[in-house]
Amino acid sequence: MAKLVQALALLSILVPAAAAAQAPRVAAPAPVPPAALRAPYEPQLIRLSEIIGALHYLRTLCEGPEGGAWRREMQALLDAEAAGGERRERLVQAFNRGYGGFEQTHRTCAPAARLAMRRYVTEARRLVAEITSRYGN
């Protein structure tokens, strides 16, 4: 759990201030079977992974190559929470779903892409705060 809190703290440093509205979802997250839930914050981690994937694509689209900062954050989250197995696969799929959803719809950095990025940043900050305050030690 300490690794998760540390990874989420690093994520919150990367997340700049943004608008307060939530972004529309690219695609409905895949349902997680109850038996597969290993942590009470699993749905939030799945959503956070999806957001990180979307931000990875949008930031590259709107700000140019950024050296993979969001990909590194996803790797830190995986290292902290899911070294392997089905759980890791679900988190990776969520990241890819977030990335792919925007890759299919945004080819240039239009105002809608910038708005989505700001909204996702806000949602990610909320999720990080919720997970760390509720489940952190």
C-alpha atoms as a PDB file:
ATOM      1  CA  MET A   1       0.000   0.000   0.000  1.00  0.00           C
ATOM      2  CA  ALA A   2       2.907   2.347   0.692  1.00  0.00           C
ATOM      3  CA  LYS A   3       4.100   1.871  -2.894  1.00  0.00           C
ATOM      4  CA  LEU A   4       0.637   2.791  -4.169  1.00  0.00           C
ATOM      5  CA  VAL A   5       0.533   5.963  -2.085  1.00  0.00           C
ATOM      6  CA  GLN A   6       4.000   6.867  -3.333  1.00  0.00           C
ATOM      7  CA  ALA A   7       3.053   6.214  -6.984  1.00  0.00           C
ATOM      8  CA  LEU A   8      -0.137   8.238  -6.611  1.00  0.00           C
ATOM      9  CA  ALA A   9       1.776  11.066  -4.963  1.00  0.00           C
ATOM     10  CA  LEU A  10       4.114  11.172  -7.962  1.00  0.00           C
ATOM     11  CA  LEU A  11       1.113  11.247 -10.257  1.00  0.00           C
ATOM     12  CA  SER A  12      -0.395  14.179  -8.393  1.00  0.00           C
ATOM     13  CA  ILE A  13       2.823  16.141  -8.913  1.00  0.00           C
ATOM     14  CA  LEU A  14       2.590  15.671 -12.678  1.00  0.00           C
ATOM     15  CA  VAL A  15      -1.034  16.687 -12.842  1.00  0.00           C
ATOM     16  CA  PRO A  16      -1.281  20.457 -13.427  1.00  0.00           C
ATOM     17  CA  ALA A  17      -4.223  22.572 -12.251  1.00  0.00           C
ATOM     18  CA  ALA A  18      -7.199  22.212 -14.564  1.00  0.00           C
ATOM     19  CA  ALA A  19     -10.875  22.952 -15.052  1.00  0.00           C
ATOM     20  CA  ALA A  20     -13.329  21.480 -12.547  1.00  0.00           C
ATOM     21  CA  ALA A  21     -15.629  19.707 -15.002  1.00  0.00           C
ATOM     22  CA  GLN A  22     -15.382  15.981 -15.678  1.00  0.00           C
ATOM     23  CA  ALA A  23     -14.557  14.639 -19.126  1.00  0.00           C
ATOM     24  CA  PRO A  24     -16.959  12.407 -20.951  1.00  0.00           C
ATOM     25  CA  ARG A  25     -15.805   8.824 -21.012  1.00  0.00           C
ATOM     26  CA  VAL A  26     -14.320   7.481 -24.198  1.00  0.00           C
ATOM     27  CA  ALA A  27     -15.804   4.039 -23.705  1.00  0.00           C
ATOM     28  CA  ALA A  28     -17.490   2.334 -20.816  1.00  0.00           C
ATOM     29  CA  PRO A  29     -14.900   0.545 -18.695  1.00  0.00           C
ATOM     30  CA  ALA A  30     -15.033  -3.208 -18.871  1.00  0.00           C
ATOM     31  CA  PRO A  31     -16.900  -4.627 -15.882  1.00  0.00           C
ATOM     32  CA  VAL A  32     -14.668  -6.173 -13.272  1.00  0.00           C
ATOM     33  CA  PRO A  33     -15.947  -9.480 -11.914  1.00  0.00           C
ATOM     34  CA  PRO A  34     -16.412  -9.355  -8.124  1.00  0.00           C
ATOM     35  CA  ALA A  35     -14.077 -12.322  -7.606  1.00  0.00           C
ATOM     36  CA  ALA A  36     -11.297 -10.399  -9.341  1.00  0.00           C
ATOM     37  CA  LEU A  37     -11.479  -7.433  -7.006  1.00  0.00           C
ATOM     38  CA  ARG A  38      -8.425  -7.625  -4.811  1.00  0.00           C
ATOM     39  CA  ALA A  39      -8.671  -4.161  -3.375  1.00  0.00           C
ATOM     40  CA  PRO A  40     -11.648  -1.986  -2.520  1.00  0.00           C
ATOM     41  CA  TYR A  41     -10.198   0.762  -4.719  1.00  0.00           C
ATOM     42  CA  GLU A  42      -9.928  -1.434  -7.834  1.00  0.00           C
ATOM     43  CA  PRO A  43     -12.570   0.472  -9.843  1.00  0.00           C
ATOM     44  CA  GLN A  44     -10.769   3.756  -9.155  1.00  0.00           C
ATOM     45  CA  LEU A  45      -7.446   2.240 -10.292  1.00  0.00           C
ATOM     46  CA  ILE A  46      -9.048   0.997 -13.492  1.00  0.00           C
ATOM     47  CA  ARG A  47     -10.475   4.440 -14.216  1.00  0.00           C
ATOM     48  CA  LEU A  48      -7.185   6.123 -13.296  1.00  0.00           C
ATOM     49  CA  SER A  49      -5.349   3.829 -15.709  1.00  0.00           C
ATOM     50  CA  GLU A  50      -7.772   4.754 -18.473  1.00  0.00           C
ATOM     51  CA  ILE A  51      -7.282   8.450 -17.756  1.00  0.00           C
ATOM     52  CA  ILE A  52      -3.494   8.108 -17.765  1.00  0.00           C
ATOM     53  CA  GLY A  53      -3.699   6.449 -21.193  1.00  0.00           C
ATOM     54  CA  ALA A  54      -5.864   9.266 -22.540  1.00  0.00           C
ATOM     55  CA  LEU A  55      -3.547  11.898 -21.080  1.00  0.00           C
ATOM     56  CA  HIS A  56      -0.535  10.164 -22.576  1.00  0.00           C
ATOM     57  CA  TYR A  57      -2.053  10.485 -26.040  1.00  0.00           C
ATOM     58  CA  LEU A  58      -3.490  13.982 -25.595  1.00  0.00           C
ATOM     59  CA  ARG A  59      -0.372  15.480 -24.085  1.00  0.00           C
ATOM     60  CA  THR A  60       1.760  14.162 -26.930  1.00  0.00           C
ATOM     61  CA  LEU A  61      -0.788  15.460 -29.446  1.00  0.00           C
ATOM     62  CA  CYS A  62      -1.100  18.927 -27.926  1.00  0.00           C
ATOM     63  CA  GLU A  63       2.335  19.560 -26.472  1.00  0.00           C
ATOM     64  CA  GLY A  64       4.619  17.394 -28.578  1.00  0.00           C
ATOM     65  CA  PRO A  65       6.816  14.542 -27.406  1.00  0.00           C
ATOM     66  CA  GLU A  66       7.000  14.687 -23.642  1.00  0.00           C
ATOM     67  CA  GLY A  67       9.414  11.890 -22.995  1.00  0.00           C
ATOM     68  CA  GLY A  68       6.781   9.406 -21.872  1.00  0.00           C
ATOM     69  CA  ALA A  69       5.985  10.980 -18.498  1.00  0.00           C
ATOM     70  CA  TRP A  70       2.469   9.528 -18.403  1.00  0.00           C
ATOM     71  CA  ARG A  71       3.707   6.134 -19.537  1.00  0.00           C
ATOM     72  CA  ARG A  72       6.252   6.203 -16.688  1.00  0.00           C
ATOM     73  CA  GLU A  73       3.468   7.075 -14.251  1.00  0.00           C
ATOM     74  CA  MET A  74       1.483   4.104 -15.499  1.00  0.00           C
ATOM     75  CA  GLN A  75       4.534   1.889 -15.056  1.00  0.00           C
ATOM     76  CA  ALA A  76       4.947   3.155 -11.479  1.00  0.00           C
ATOM     77  CA  LEU A  77       1.294   2.364 -10.806  1.00  0.00           C
ATOM     78  CA  LEU A  78       1.715  -1.130 -12.241  1.00  0.00           C
ATOM     79  CA  ASP A  79       4.881  -1.714 -10.215  1.00  0.00           C
ATOM     80  CA  ALA A  80       3.125  -0.621  -7.034  1.00  0.00           C
ATOM     81  CA  GLU A  81      -0.164  -2.417  -7.542  1.00  0.00           C
ATOM     82  CA  ALA A  82       0.047  -5.211 -10.078  1.00  0.00           C
ATOM     83  CA  ALA A  83       3.339  -6.967 -10.688  1.00  0.00           C
ATOM     84  CA  GLY A  84       1.632  -9.517 -12.893  1.00  0.00           C
ATOM     85  CA  GLY A  85      -1.456 -11.546 -13.624  1.00  0.00           C
ATOM     86  CA  GLU A  86      -5.014 -10.625 -14.437  1.00  0.00           C
ATOM     87  CA  ARG A  87      -4.983  -7.428 -12.425  1.00  0.00           C
ATOM     88  CA  ARG A  88      -2.030  -6.058 -14.350  1.00  0.00           C
ATOM     89  CA  GLU A  89      -3.731  -7.005 -17.599  1.00  0.00           C
ATOM     90  CA  ARG A  90      -6.909  -5.129 -16.604  1.00  0.00           C
ATOM     91  CA  LEU A  91      -4.913  -1.996 -15.773  1.00  0.00           C
ATOM     92  CA  VAL A  92      -2.951  -2.194 -19.030  1.00  0.00           C
ATOM     93  CA  GLN A  93      -6.164  -2.714 -21.011  1.00  0.00           C
ATOM     94  CA  ALA A  94      -7.691   0.355 -19.351  1.00  0.00           C
ATOM     95  CA  PHE A  95      -4.596   2.435 -20.244  1.00  0.00           C
ATOM     96  CA  ASN A  96      -4.779   1.222 -23.849  1.00  0.00           C
ATOM     97  CA  ARG A  97      -8.521   1.893 -24.008  1.00  0.00           C
ATOM     98  CA  GLY A  98      -7.975   5.491 -22.871  1.00  0.00           C
ATOM     99  CA  TYR A  99      -5.147   5.998 -25.353  1.00  0.00           C
ATOM    100  CA  GLY A 100      -6.927   4.324 -28.255  1.00  0.00           C
ATOM    101  CA  GLY A 101     -10.214   6.118 -27.751  1.00  0.00           C
ATOM    102  CA  PHE A 102      -8.618   9.498 -28.298  1.00  0.00           C
ATOM    103  CA  GLU A 103      -6.255   8.256 -30.986  1.00  0.00           C
ATOM    104  CA  GLN A 104      -9.286   7.303 -33.075  1.00  0.00           C
ATOM    105  CA  THR A 105     -11.072  10.642 -32.678  1.00  0.00           C
ATOM    106  CA  HIS A 106      -8.384  13.337 -32.381  1.00  0.00           C
ATOM    107  CA  ARG A 107      -5.744  13.878 -35.053  1.00  0.00           C
ATOM    108  CA  THR A 108      -4.926  17.491 -34.172  1.00  0.00           C
ATOM    109  CA  CYS A 109      -4.879  19.450 -30.970  1.00  0.00           C
ATOM    110  CA  ALA A 110      -8.275  21.076 -31.329  1.00  0.00           C
ATOM    111  CA  PRO A 111      -9.937  22.993 -28.482  1.00  0.00           C
ATOM    112  CA  ALA A 112     -11.978  19.866 -27.689  1.00  0.00           C
ATOM    113  CA  ALA A 113      -8.772  17.883 -27.126  1.00  0.00           C
ATOM    114  CA  ARG A 114      -7.400  20.548 -24.771  1.00  0.00           C
ATOM    115  CA  LEU A 115     -10.697  20.639 -22.876  1.00  0.00           C
ATOM    116  CA  ALA A 116     -10.699  16.846 -22.538  1.00  0.00           C
ATOM    117  CA  MET A 117      -7.133  16.956 -21.247  1.00  0.00           C
ATOM    118  CA  ARG A 118      -8.027  19.534 -18.575  1.00  0.00           C
ATOM    119  CA  ARG A 119     -11.075  17.541 -17.519  1.00  0.00           C
ATOM    120  CA  TYR A 120      -9.145  14.291 -17.293  1.00  0.00           C
ATOM    121  CA  VAL A 121      -6.474  15.959 -15.194  1.00  0.00           C
ATOM    122  CA  THR A 122      -9.171  17.158 -12.804  1.00  0.00           C
ATOM    123  CA  GLU A 123     -10.721  13.712 -12.598  1.00  0.00           C
ATOM    124  CA  ALA A 124      -7.302  12.085 -12.053  1.00  0.00           C
ATOM    125  CA  ARG A 125      -6.547  14.497  -9.213  1.00  0.00           C
ATOM    126  CA  ARG A 126      -9.892  13.650  -7.598  1.00  0.00           C
ATOM    127  CA  LEU A 127      -9.255   9.910  -7.905  1.00  0.00           C
ATOM    128  CA  VAL A 128      -5.738  10.203  -6.487  1.00  0.00           C
ATOM    129  CA  ALA A 129      -6.999  12.261  -3.544  1.00  0.00           C
ATOM    130  CA  GLU A 130      -9.849   9.830  -2.924  1.00  0.00           C
ATOM    131  CA  ILE A 131      -7.666   6.726  -3.005  1.00  0.00           C
ATOM    132  CA  THR A 132      -4.883   8.156  -0.839  1.00  0.00           C
ATOM    133  CA  SER A 133      -7.188   9.752   1.733  1.00  0.00           C
ATOM    134  CA  ARG A 134      -9.464   6.758   1.999  1.00  0.00           C
ATOM    135  CA  TYR A 135      -7.049   3.843   1.681  1.00  0.00           C
ATOM    136  CA  GLY A 136      -3.575   5.275   2.381  1.00  0.00           C
ATOM    137  CA  ASN A 137      -1.879   4.678   5.694  1.00  0.00           C
END
